[in-house]
Amino acid sequence: MQLFHSAASPFVRKVVVTLHETGQLGDVELLNVQTTPIKSAPEILAHNPTGKIPALTRPDGPALYDSRVICRYLDARKGAKLYPASRIWDVLTLEATGDAIMDATVAMTYERRVRPAEQQSDEWIEAQWAKAARAISALNTRWMSHLSGRLDMGHIAIGCALGYVDLRHDARAWRKGNDALAAWYERFAERESMRATHPG
């Protein structure tokens, strides 16, 4: 299998952390690709019509894309139980929350890096950060008991989302007022899978 890859993407990192955690890293070739929302790389378009990464080719069917689809596939392939049936709705909600933080903060990055200066909107950027900040606060107040439990895909998504905020938006100081989540992330970031995939 081949994974179209960019180390700075939190969505790609989520997949690669999953490969580490499920012991499948050796089954997948990581192919680095440069792509943007303005100009999609042709090698991505050949496998994902939306032009986004990650995309995973496989020998027994068409390529898979969207990190949630790929992670679910990898979990099923290995029987890793990162989506345990006993708490599936909580896991899926946490994964969606992590992905929403990624969506908002990646959009903030693209606004500054891709759009011409005269077209950039500070108001729009602040609205994206408000989404991420609300999600982070909700994790801190509502989800710590789950995050303190056995590893599942919710943990991985949240860990990769917070890692991206640190990478691109550290000045936002997300830890302030979110002490429990900050302490959890400090521990989670020390996992071998997280250390191995750190984009810095």
N, C-alpha and C. Protein backbone atom coordinates (compact mmCIF):
# COMPACT_ATOMS: atom_id res chain seq x y z
N MET A 1 0.85 -1.18 0.00
CA MET A 1 0.00 0.00 0.00
C MET A 1 0.89 1.24 0.00
N GLN A 2 0.33 2.33 -0.48
CA GLN A 2 1.04 3.60 -0.52
C GLN A 2 0.16 4.70 0.10
N LEU A 3 0.79 5.54 0.93
CA LEU A 3 0.09 6.65 1.56
C LEU A 3 0.68 7.95 1.04
N PHE A 4 -0.15 8.74 0.38
CA PHE A 4 0.29 10.07 -0.06
C PHE A 4 0.33 10.97 1.17
N HIS A 5 1.46 11.63 1.37
CA HIS A 5 1.89 12.05 2.69
C HIS A 5 2.48 13.45 2.66
N SER A 6 2.20 14.23 3.68
CA SER A 6 2.92 15.47 3.97
C SER A 6 3.02 15.54 5.49
N ALA A 7 4.23 15.63 6.00
CA ALA A 7 4.46 15.47 7.44
C ALA A 7 3.75 16.53 8.27
N ALA A 8 3.53 17.72 7.72
CA ALA A 8 2.92 18.80 8.50
C ALA A 8 1.41 18.66 8.60
N SER A 9 0.80 17.85 7.76
CA SER A 9 -0.66 17.71 7.78
C SER A 9 -1.12 16.93 9.01
N PRO A 10 -2.01 17.49 9.83
CA PRO A 10 -2.48 16.74 10.99
C PRO A 10 -3.34 15.55 10.60
N PHE A 11 -4.00 15.63 9.46
CA PHE A 11 -4.81 14.50 8.99
C PHE A 11 -3.91 13.34 8.57
N VAL A 12 -2.82 13.65 7.90
CA VAL A 12 -1.84 12.61 7.56
C VAL A 12 -1.22 12.04 8.83
N ARG A 13 -0.88 12.93 9.76
CA ARG A 13 -0.26 12.44 11.00
C ARG A 13 -1.18 11.47 11.72
N LYS A 14 -2.47 11.75 11.72
CA LYS A 14 -3.43 10.85 12.37
C LYS A 14 -3.34 9.45 11.78
N VAL A 15 -3.23 9.37 10.47
CA VAL A 15 -3.12 8.06 9.81
C VAL A 15 -1.79 7.40 10.17
N VAL A 16 -0.70 8.16 10.16
CA VAL A 16 0.61 7.55 10.42
C VAL A 16 0.72 7.12 11.89
N VAL A 17 0.15 7.89 12.81
CA VAL A 17 0.10 7.45 14.20
C VAL A 17 -0.67 6.14 14.30
N THR A 18 -1.76 6.03 13.57
CA THR A 18 -2.54 4.80 13.57
C THR A 18 -1.71 3.64 13.03
N LEU A 19 -0.94 3.87 11.99
CA LEU A 19 -0.05 2.83 11.47
C LEU A 19 0.93 2.37 12.54
N HIS A 20 1.50 3.32 13.26
CA HIS A 20 2.42 2.96 14.35
C HIS A 20 1.71 2.16 15.43
N GLU A 21 0.57 2.65 15.88
CA GLU A 21 -0.13 2.04 17.01
C GLU A 21 -0.67 0.65 16.68
N THR A 22 -0.93 0.40 15.40
CA THR A 22 -1.49 -0.90 15.01
C THR A 22 -0.44 -1.83 14.39
N GLY A 23 0.82 -1.40 14.38
CA GLY A 23 1.88 -2.26 13.86
C GLY A 23 1.84 -2.48 12.37
N GLN A 24 1.37 -1.49 11.61
CA GLN A 24 1.26 -1.66 10.16
C GLN A 24 2.18 -0.73 9.37
N LEU A 25 3.07 -0.03 10.04
CA LEU A 25 3.92 0.92 9.35
C LEU A 25 4.71 0.26 8.23
N GLY A 26 5.18 -0.96 8.46
CA GLY A 26 5.95 -1.65 7.44
C GLY A 26 5.15 -2.09 6.23
N ASP A 27 3.81 -2.00 6.31
CA ASP A 27 2.96 -2.41 5.19
C ASP A 27 2.67 -1.28 4.22
N VAL A 28 3.11 -0.07 4.56
CA VAL A 28 2.72 1.11 3.78
C VAL A 28 3.95 1.92 3.41
N GLU A 29 4.04 2.26 2.13
CA GLU A 29 5.10 3.16 1.65
C GLU A 29 4.58 4.60 1.75
N LEU A 30 5.34 5.46 2.41
CA LEU A 30 4.97 6.86 2.54
C LEU A 30 5.53 7.64 1.36
N LEU A 31 4.64 8.27 0.59
CA LEU A 31 5.05 9.04 -0.58
C LEU A 31 4.81 10.51 -0.30
N ASN A 32 5.90 11.26 -0.17
CA ASN A 32 5.77 12.68 0.11
C ASN A 32 5.23 13.42 -1.12
N VAL A 33 4.30 14.34 -0.89
CA VAL A 33 3.71 15.08 -1.99
C VAL A 33 3.47 16.52 -1.56
N GLN A 34 3.69 17.44 -2.48
CA GLN A 34 3.43 18.86 -2.24
C GLN A 34 2.13 19.23 -2.96
N THR A 35 1.15 19.66 -2.19
CA THR A 35 -0.14 20.03 -2.77
C THR A 35 -0.73 21.17 -1.96
N THR A 36 -1.58 21.97 -2.59
CA THR A 36 -2.23 23.08 -1.89
C THR A 36 -3.70 23.12 -2.28
N PRO A 37 -4.53 23.88 -1.54
CA PRO A 37 -5.93 23.97 -1.91
C PRO A 37 -6.14 24.72 -3.22
N ILE A 38 -5.13 25.46 -3.67
CA ILE A 38 -5.23 26.21 -4.92
C ILE A 38 -4.83 25.35 -6.11
N LYS A 39 -3.82 24.52 -5.92
CA LYS A 39 -3.32 23.68 -7.01
C LYS A 39 -3.03 22.29 -6.47
N SER A 40 -3.91 21.35 -6.78
CA SER A 40 -3.76 19.98 -6.31
C SER A 40 -2.70 19.26 -7.13
N ALA A 41 -1.86 18.49 -6.45
CA ALA A 41 -0.83 17.72 -7.14
C ALA A 41 -1.48 16.64 -8.01
N PRO A 42 -0.98 16.45 -9.24
CA PRO A 42 -1.60 15.46 -10.15
C PRO A 42 -1.56 14.04 -9.60
N GLU A 43 -0.51 13.70 -8.82
CA GLU A 43 -0.45 12.34 -8.28
C GLU A 43 -1.54 12.09 -7.25
N ILE A 44 -2.01 13.17 -6.58
CA ILE A 44 -3.15 13.03 -5.67
C ILE A 44 -4.44 12.89 -6.46
N LEU A 45 -4.61 13.75 -7.46
CA LEU A 45 -5.84 13.72 -8.26
C LEU A 45 -6.05 12.37 -8.93
N ALA A 46 -4.96 11.67 -9.20
CA ALA A 46 -5.09 10.35 -9.83
C ALA A 46 -5.77 9.35 -8.91
N HIS A 47 -5.77 9.63 -7.60
CA HIS A 47 -6.35 8.69 -6.64
C HIS A 47 -7.49 9.28 -5.82
N ASN A 48 -7.53 10.59 -5.69
CA ASN A 48 -8.57 11.26 -4.90
C ASN A 48 -9.08 12.45 -5.69
N PRO A 49 -10.30 12.39 -6.19
CA PRO A 49 -10.81 13.49 -7.03
C PRO A 49 -10.92 14.82 -6.30
N THR A 50 -10.94 14.81 -4.96
CA THR A 50 -11.00 16.07 -4.22
C THR A 50 -9.63 16.74 -4.13
N GLY A 51 -8.57 16.00 -4.45
CA GLY A 51 -7.23 16.56 -4.43
C GLY A 51 -6.63 16.70 -3.06
N LYS A 52 -7.22 16.08 -2.03
CA LYS A 52 -6.73 16.24 -0.66
C LYS A 52 -5.90 15.04 -0.22
N ILE A 53 -5.02 15.31 0.75
CA ILE A 53 -4.30 14.24 1.42
C ILE A 53 -4.89 14.08 2.82
N PRO A 54 -4.77 12.87 3.38
CA PRO A 54 -4.11 11.67 2.86
C PRO A 54 -4.98 10.89 1.89
N ALA A 55 -4.30 10.08 1.08
CA ALA A 55 -4.97 9.09 0.24
C ALA A 55 -4.15 7.81 0.33
N LEU A 56 -4.82 6.68 0.43
CA LEU A 56 -4.17 5.39 0.60
C LEU A 56 -4.53 4.47 -0.55
N THR A 57 -3.52 4.04 -1.32
CA THR A 57 -3.77 3.04 -2.35
C THR A 57 -3.70 1.66 -1.71
N ARG A 58 -4.43 0.73 -2.26
CA ARG A 58 -4.45 -0.65 -1.75
C ARG A 58 -4.57 -1.60 -2.91
N PRO A 59 -4.10 -2.83 -2.76
CA PRO A 59 -4.07 -3.75 -3.89
C PRO A 59 -5.42 -4.36 -4.23
N ASP A 60 -6.36 -4.29 -3.31
CA ASP A 60 -7.62 -5.01 -3.50
C ASP A 60 -8.82 -4.10 -3.73
N GLY A 61 -8.58 -2.87 -4.18
CA GLY A 61 -9.69 -1.97 -4.42
C GLY A 61 -9.21 -0.57 -4.72
N PRO A 62 -10.13 0.35 -4.97
CA PRO A 62 -9.73 1.73 -5.26
C PRO A 62 -9.11 2.39 -4.04
N ALA A 63 -8.41 3.48 -4.28
CA ALA A 63 -7.77 4.22 -3.19
C ALA A 63 -8.81 4.72 -2.21
N LEU A 64 -8.40 4.78 -0.95
CA LEU A 64 -9.23 5.33 0.10
C LEU A 64 -8.76 6.74 0.43
N TYR A 65 -9.69 7.64 0.73
CA TYR A 65 -9.31 8.98 1.14
C TYR A 65 -10.25 9.49 2.21
N ASP A 66 -9.78 10.54 2.88
CA ASP A 66 -10.33 11.09 4.12
C ASP A 66 -9.74 10.27 5.28
N SER A 67 -9.12 10.98 6.21
CA SER A 67 -8.41 10.29 7.29
C SER A 67 -9.32 9.38 8.10
N ARG A 68 -10.59 9.77 8.26
CA ARG A 68 -11.50 8.91 9.04
C ARG A 68 -11.74 7.58 8.36
N VAL A 69 -11.88 7.61 7.03
CA VAL A 69 -12.08 6.37 6.28
C VAL A 69 -10.82 5.50 6.36
N ILE A 70 -9.66 6.12 6.14
CA ILE A 70 -8.41 5.37 6.14
C ILE A 70 -8.15 4.76 7.52
N CYS A 71 -8.34 5.53 8.58
CA CYS A 71 -8.09 5.00 9.92
C CYS A 71 -9.04 3.86 10.25
N ARG A 72 -10.28 3.99 9.84
CA ARG A 72 -11.25 2.91 10.10
C ARG A 72 -10.84 1.65 9.34
N TYR A 73 -10.37 1.83 8.11
CA TYR A 73 -9.91 0.69 7.32
C TYR A 73 -8.71 0.01 7.98
N LEU A 74 -7.73 0.81 8.40
CA LEU A 74 -6.53 0.24 9.02
C LEU A 74 -6.88 -0.48 10.33
N ASP A 75 -7.79 0.08 11.09
CA ASP A 75 -8.22 -0.56 12.33
C ASP A 75 -8.87 -1.91 12.03
N ALA A 76 -9.75 -1.94 11.03
CA ALA A 76 -10.44 -3.19 10.68
C ALA A 76 -9.45 -4.21 10.13
N ARG A 77 -8.51 -3.74 9.34
CA ARG A 77 -7.51 -4.64 8.73
C ARG A 77 -6.70 -5.37 9.80
N LYS A 78 -6.41 -4.71 10.89
CA LYS A 78 -5.58 -5.29 11.93
C LYS A 78 -6.39 -5.83 13.11
N GLY A 79 -7.68 -5.49 13.18
CA GLY A 79 -8.47 -5.87 14.35
C GLY A 79 -7.97 -5.20 15.62
N ALA A 80 -7.59 -3.92 15.50
CA ALA A 80 -6.92 -3.23 16.60
C ALA A 80 -7.86 -2.68 17.67
N LYS A 81 -9.15 -2.61 17.37
CA LYS A 81 -10.18 -2.17 18.32
C LYS A 81 -9.97 -0.72 18.77
N LEU A 82 -9.54 0.13 17.82
CA LEU A 82 -9.49 1.56 18.10
C LEU A 82 -10.87 2.21 17.98
N TYR A 83 -11.84 1.45 17.49
CA TYR A 83 -13.23 1.88 17.43
C TYR A 83 -14.09 0.87 18.20
N PRO A 84 -13.92 0.77 19.51
CA PRO A 84 -14.61 -0.27 20.28
C PRO A 84 -16.12 -0.07 20.27
N ALA A 85 -16.83 -1.16 20.03
CA ALA A 85 -18.29 -1.08 19.92
C ALA A 85 -18.93 -0.57 21.20
N SER A 86 -18.34 -0.86 22.35
CA SER A 86 -18.95 -0.50 23.62
C SER A 86 -19.02 1.01 23.85
N ARG A 87 -18.18 1.77 23.16
CA ARG A 87 -18.23 3.22 23.30
C ARG A 87 -18.06 3.92 21.95
N ILE A 88 -18.61 3.30 20.92
CA ILE A 88 -18.38 3.76 19.56
C ILE A 88 -18.83 5.19 19.33
N TRP A 89 -19.97 5.60 19.91
CA TRP A 89 -20.47 6.95 19.62
C TRP A 89 -19.59 8.01 20.28
N ASP A 90 -19.06 7.71 21.44
CA ASP A 90 -18.13 8.63 22.07
C ASP A 90 -16.85 8.74 21.25
N VAL A 91 -16.33 7.60 20.79
CA VAL A 91 -15.10 7.60 20.00
C VAL A 91 -15.29 8.40 18.72
N LEU A 92 -16.40 8.16 18.02
CA LEU A 92 -16.64 8.87 16.77
C LEU A 92 -16.83 10.37 17.00
N THR A 93 -17.48 10.73 18.10
CA THR A 93 -17.66 12.15 18.41
C THR A 93 -16.33 12.82 18.72
N LEU A 94 -15.49 12.13 19.49
CA LEU A 94 -14.17 12.67 19.78
C LEU A 94 -13.32 12.78 18.51
N GLU A 95 -13.38 11.78 17.64
CA GLU A 95 -12.64 11.86 16.39
C GLU A 95 -13.13 13.05 15.56
N ALA A 96 -14.44 13.22 15.49
CA ALA A 96 -15.00 14.35 14.75
C ALA A 96 -14.57 15.68 15.37
N THR A 97 -14.48 15.73 16.69
CA THR A 97 -14.04 16.95 17.36
C THR A 97 -12.59 17.27 17.02
N GLY A 98 -11.73 16.24 17.05
CA GLY A 98 -10.35 16.45 16.66
C GLY A 98 -10.23 16.91 15.21
N ASP A 99 -11.00 16.28 14.33
CA ASP A 99 -10.97 16.68 12.92
C ASP A 99 -11.49 18.10 12.73
N ALA A 100 -12.47 18.50 13.52
CA ALA A 100 -13.00 19.86 13.41
C ALA A 100 -11.95 20.89 13.83
N ILE A 101 -11.19 20.58 14.88
CA ILE A 101 -10.09 21.47 15.28
C ILE A 101 -9.07 21.55 14.15
N MET A 102 -8.75 20.42 13.54
CA MET A 102 -7.82 20.42 12.41
C MET A 102 -8.36 21.25 11.26
N ASP A 103 -9.63 21.04 10.90
CA ASP A 103 -10.23 21.78 9.79
C ASP A 103 -10.10 23.28 10.00
N ALA A 104 -10.47 23.73 11.21
CA ALA A 104 -10.47 25.16 11.49
C ALA A 104 -9.07 25.74 11.48
N THR A 105 -8.13 25.05 12.10
CA THR A 105 -6.79 25.61 12.22
C THR A 105 -5.97 25.46 10.94
N VAL A 106 -6.22 24.42 10.17
CA VAL A 106 -5.60 24.34 8.84
C VAL A 106 -6.13 25.46 7.95
N ALA A 107 -7.42 25.75 8.05
CA ALA A 107 -7.99 26.85 7.27
C ALA A 107 -7.35 28.19 7.65
N MET A 108 -7.07 28.38 8.93
CA MET A 108 -6.37 29.59 9.37
C MET A 108 -4.99 29.68 8.72
N THR A 109 -4.28 28.56 8.70
CA THR A 109 -2.95 28.54 8.09
C THR A 109 -3.03 28.88 6.61
N TYR A 110 -3.96 28.26 5.90
CA TYR A 110 -4.08 28.51 4.47
C TYR A 110 -4.47 29.96 4.18
N GLU A 111 -5.28 30.54 5.02
CA GLU A 111 -5.69 31.93 4.79
C GLU A 111 -4.47 32.85 4.72
N ARG A 112 -3.50 32.61 5.59
CA ARG A 112 -2.30 33.44 5.60
C ARG A 112 -1.29 33.02 4.54
N ARG A 113 -1.20 31.73 4.25
CA ARG A 113 -0.13 31.25 3.38
C ARG A 113 -0.50 31.20 1.91
N VAL A 114 -1.79 31.04 1.62
CA VAL A 114 -2.20 30.79 0.24
C VAL A 114 -2.92 31.98 -0.39
N ARG A 115 -3.78 32.64 0.38
CA ARG A 115 -4.55 33.75 -0.19
C ARG A 115 -3.70 35.02 -0.29
N PRO A 116 -3.88 35.80 -1.34
CA PRO A 116 -3.18 37.09 -1.43
C PRO A 116 -3.51 37.97 -0.23
N ALA A 117 -2.56 38.78 0.19
CA ALA A 117 -2.72 39.60 1.40
C ALA A 117 -3.97 40.46 1.36
N GLU A 118 -4.27 41.01 0.19
CA GLU A 118 -5.43 41.91 0.09
C GLU A 118 -6.76 41.18 0.19
N GLN A 119 -6.74 39.86 0.09
CA GLN A 119 -7.97 39.07 0.18
C GLN A 119 -8.14 38.39 1.54
N GLN A 120 -7.14 38.46 2.38
CA GLN A 120 -7.21 37.79 3.68
C GLN A 120 -8.17 38.52 4.61
N SER A 121 -8.84 37.73 5.45
CA SER A 121 -9.84 38.28 6.37
C SER A 121 -9.49 37.92 7.81
N ASP A 122 -9.14 38.93 8.60
CA ASP A 122 -8.88 38.69 10.01
C ASP A 122 -10.14 38.20 10.72
N GLU A 123 -11.29 38.73 10.34
CA GLU A 123 -12.55 38.31 10.96
C GLU A 123 -12.81 36.83 10.72
N TRP A 124 -12.53 36.38 9.49
CA TRP A 124 -12.74 34.97 9.16
C TRP A 124 -11.77 34.09 9.95
N ILE A 125 -10.51 34.53 10.06
CA ILE A 125 -9.53 33.77 10.83
C ILE A 125 -9.97 33.64 12.28
N GLU A 126 -10.44 34.74 12.86
CA GLU A 126 -10.88 34.70 14.26
C GLU A 126 -12.09 33.79 14.44
N ALA A 127 -12.95 33.76 13.44
CA ALA A 127 -14.12 32.86 13.51
C ALA A 127 -13.68 31.40 13.50
N GLN A 128 -12.65 31.09 12.70
CA GLN A 128 -12.12 29.72 12.69
C GLN A 128 -11.50 29.37 14.04
N TRP A 129 -10.75 30.32 14.61
CA TRP A 129 -10.14 30.04 15.91
C TRP A 129 -11.21 29.86 16.98
N ALA A 130 -12.30 30.61 16.90
CA ALA A 130 -13.37 30.46 17.88
C ALA A 130 -13.94 29.04 17.86
N LYS A 131 -14.05 28.45 16.67
CA LYS A 131 -14.51 27.06 16.58
C LYS A 131 -13.55 26.13 17.31
N ALA A 132 -12.25 26.29 17.01
CA ALA A 132 -11.25 25.43 17.63
C ALA A 132 -11.22 25.63 19.14
N ALA A 133 -11.28 26.89 19.59
CA ALA A 133 -11.21 27.18 21.02
C ALA A 133 -12.40 26.60 21.77
N ARG A 134 -13.59 26.68 21.18
CA ARG A 134 -14.77 26.09 21.83
C ARG A 134 -14.62 24.58 21.95
N ALA A 135 -14.09 23.96 20.90
CA ALA A 135 -13.90 22.50 20.93
C ALA A 135 -12.88 22.11 21.99
N ILE A 136 -11.79 22.86 22.08
CA ILE A 136 -10.76 22.58 23.08
C ILE A 136 -11.33 22.73 24.48
N SER A 137 -12.10 23.77 24.71
CA SER A 137 -12.73 23.97 26.02
C SER A 137 -13.68 22.83 26.37
N ALA A 138 -14.44 22.38 25.38
CA ALA A 138 -15.38 21.27 25.62
C ALA A 138 -14.63 19.99 25.97
N LEU A 139 -13.50 19.74 25.31
CA LEU A 139 -12.69 18.57 25.67
C LEU A 139 -12.25 18.65 27.12
N ASN A 140 -11.82 19.82 27.54
CA ASN A 140 -11.31 20.01 28.90
C ASN A 140 -12.40 19.83 29.95
N THR A 141 -13.62 20.22 29.63
CA THR A 141 -14.70 20.19 30.63
C THR A 141 -15.56 18.93 30.57
N ARG A 142 -15.63 18.28 29.40
CA ARG A 142 -16.59 17.18 29.24
C ARG A 142 -15.98 15.82 28.97
N TRP A 143 -14.74 15.78 28.47
CA TRP A 143 -14.24 14.54 27.90
C TRP A 143 -13.00 13.96 28.58
N MET A 144 -12.59 14.52 29.69
CA MET A 144 -11.34 14.05 30.29
C MET A 144 -11.44 12.62 30.80
N SER A 145 -12.61 12.21 31.27
CA SER A 145 -12.72 10.83 31.75
C SER A 145 -12.51 9.84 30.60
N HIS A 146 -13.01 10.17 29.43
CA HIS A 146 -12.80 9.31 28.27
C HIS A 146 -11.33 9.33 27.84
N LEU A 147 -10.75 10.52 27.77
CA LEU A 147 -9.37 10.63 27.33
C LEU A 147 -8.41 9.93 28.29
N SER A 148 -8.82 9.77 29.53
CA SER A 148 -7.99 9.08 30.51
C SER A 148 -8.08 7.57 30.41
N GLY A 149 -8.95 7.07 29.54
CA GLY A 149 -9.15 5.63 29.41
C GLY A 149 -8.26 5.00 28.35
N ARG A 150 -8.61 3.78 27.95
CA ARG A 150 -7.83 2.99 26.99
C ARG A 150 -7.76 3.70 25.65
N LEU A 151 -6.61 3.60 24.99
CA LEU A 151 -6.39 4.24 23.70
C LEU A 151 -7.45 3.87 22.69
N ASP A 152 -7.99 4.88 22.02
CA ASP A 152 -8.88 4.65 20.88
C ASP A 152 -8.66 5.78 19.88
N MET A 153 -9.43 5.76 18.80
CA MET A 153 -9.19 6.74 17.75
C MET A 153 -9.49 8.16 18.19
N GLY A 154 -10.36 8.33 19.18
CA GLY A 154 -10.60 9.67 19.71
C GLY A 154 -9.33 10.27 20.28
N HIS A 155 -8.57 9.50 21.03
CA HIS A 155 -7.30 9.97 21.59
C HIS A 155 -6.35 10.42 20.47
N ILE A 156 -6.23 9.59 19.44
CA ILE A 156 -5.29 9.89 18.36
C ILE A 156 -5.68 11.17 17.64
N ALA A 157 -6.97 11.32 17.34
CA ALA A 157 -7.43 12.52 16.64
C ALA A 157 -7.19 13.78 17.47
N ILE A 158 -7.50 13.71 18.75
CA ILE A 158 -7.31 14.88 19.62
C ILE A 158 -5.82 15.18 19.76
N GLY A 159 -5.01 14.16 19.96
CA GLY A 159 -3.57 14.38 20.08
C GLY A 159 -2.98 15.04 18.85
N CYS A 160 -3.36 14.58 17.66
CA CYS A 160 -2.84 15.17 16.43
C CYS A 160 -3.36 16.58 16.21
N ALA A 161 -4.61 16.82 16.60
CA ALA A 161 -5.17 18.17 16.46
C ALA A 161 -4.42 19.16 17.35
N LEU A 162 -4.20 18.81 18.60
CA LEU A 162 -3.50 19.71 19.51
C LEU A 162 -2.04 19.89 19.08
N GLY A 163 -1.44 18.85 18.55
CA GLY A 163 -0.08 18.97 18.04
C GLY A 163 0.00 19.97 16.89
N TYR A 164 -1.02 20.00 16.04
CA TYR A 164 -1.03 20.95 14.93
C TYR A 164 -1.22 22.38 15.44
N VAL A 165 -2.06 22.56 16.44
CA VAL A 165 -2.23 23.90 17.02
C VAL A 165 -0.89 24.39 17.56
N ASP A 166 -0.16 23.52 18.24
CA ASP A 166 1.17 23.89 18.72
C ASP A 166 2.10 24.25 17.57
N LEU A 167 2.03 23.49 16.49
CA LEU A 167 2.94 23.69 15.35
C LEU A 167 2.69 25.01 14.65
N ARG A 168 1.44 25.33 14.37
CA ARG A 168 1.13 26.48 13.53
C ARG A 168 0.53 27.68 14.28
N HIS A 169 -0.04 27.43 15.46
CA HIS A 169 -0.77 28.52 16.14
C HIS A 169 -0.45 28.56 17.63
N ASP A 170 0.82 28.34 17.94
CA ASP A 170 1.23 28.29 19.34
C ASP A 170 0.94 29.59 20.08
N ALA A 171 0.96 30.70 19.37
CA ALA A 171 0.70 32.00 20.00
C ALA A 171 -0.71 32.10 20.57
N ARG A 172 -1.59 31.22 20.15
CA ARG A 172 -2.96 31.24 20.66
C ARG A 172 -3.06 30.72 22.09
N ALA A 173 -2.00 30.06 22.57
CA ALA A 173 -1.92 29.62 23.97
C ALA A 173 -3.16 28.83 24.40
N TRP A 174 -3.43 27.75 23.68
CA TRP A 174 -4.63 26.97 23.94
C TRP A 174 -4.65 26.36 25.34
N ARG A 175 -3.50 26.18 25.97
CA ARG A 175 -3.45 25.55 27.29
C ARG A 175 -4.05 26.42 28.39
N LYS A 176 -4.06 27.71 28.19
CA LYS A 176 -4.57 28.62 29.23
C LYS A 176 -6.04 28.34 29.50
N GLY A 177 -6.36 28.01 30.76
CA GLY A 177 -7.73 27.69 31.14
C GLY A 177 -8.14 26.28 30.83
N ASN A 178 -7.24 25.49 30.24
CA ASN A 178 -7.54 24.10 29.91
C ASN A 178 -6.50 23.18 30.53
N ASP A 179 -6.35 23.29 31.84
CA ASP A 179 -5.25 22.62 32.54
C ASP A 179 -5.31 21.11 32.43
N ALA A 180 -6.49 20.53 32.57
CA ALA A 180 -6.61 19.07 32.53
C ALA A 180 -6.23 18.54 31.15
N LEU A 181 -6.71 19.19 30.11
CA LEU A 181 -6.39 18.76 28.74
C LEU A 181 -4.91 18.96 28.46
N ALA A 182 -4.34 20.05 28.93
CA ALA A 182 -2.92 20.31 28.73
C ALA A 182 -2.07 19.22 29.38
N ALA A 183 -2.44 18.81 30.59
CA ALA A 183 -1.70 17.76 31.28
C ALA A 183 -1.84 16.43 30.53
N TRP A 184 -3.04 16.14 30.05
CA TRP A 184 -3.25 14.92 29.27
C TRP A 184 -2.38 14.94 28.02
N TYR A 185 -2.38 16.05 27.31
CA TYR A 185 -1.62 16.12 26.06
C TYR A 185 -0.13 15.99 26.31
N GLU A 186 0.36 16.55 27.39
CA GLU A 186 1.79 16.42 27.69
C GLU A 186 2.18 14.95 27.81
N ARG A 187 1.32 14.16 28.43
CA ARG A 187 1.59 12.72 28.55
C ARG A 187 1.43 12.02 27.20
N PHE A 188 0.35 12.36 26.50
CA PHE A 188 0.06 11.67 25.25
C PHE A 188 1.13 11.95 24.21
N ALA A 189 1.67 13.15 24.18
CA ALA A 189 2.69 13.52 23.20
C ALA A 189 3.98 12.74 23.38
N GLU A 190 4.14 12.08 24.52
CA GLU A 190 5.34 11.28 24.77
C GLU A 190 5.21 9.85 24.25
N ARG A 191 4.05 9.48 23.74
CA ARG A 191 3.91 8.14 23.15
C ARG A 191 4.90 8.01 22.00
N GLU A 192 5.40 6.81 21.80
CA GLU A 192 6.37 6.57 20.74
C GLU A 192 5.81 6.97 19.39
N SER A 193 4.53 6.68 19.15
CA SER A 193 3.92 7.00 17.85
C SER A 193 3.85 8.50 17.63
N MET A 194 3.63 9.27 18.68
CA MET A 194 3.57 10.72 18.54
C MET A 194 4.96 11.32 18.36
N ARG A 195 5.91 10.81 19.11
CA ARG A 195 7.29 11.31 18.98
C ARG A 195 7.84 11.00 17.57
N ALA A 196 7.51 9.83 17.05
CA ALA A 196 8.02 9.43 15.75
C ALA A 196 7.42 10.24 14.61
N THR A 197 6.24 10.81 14.83
CA THR A 197 5.56 11.53 13.75
C THR A 197 5.57 13.04 13.96
N HIS A 198 6.32 13.52 14.94
CA HIS A 198 6.35 14.97 15.19
C HIS A 198 6.91 15.67 13.96
N PRO A 199 6.20 16.67 13.42
CA PRO A 199 6.64 17.29 12.16
C PRO A 199 7.78 18.28 12.31
N GLY A 200 8.12 18.64 13.55
CA GLY A 200 9.17 19.65 13.74
C GLY A 200 10.57 19.13 13.49
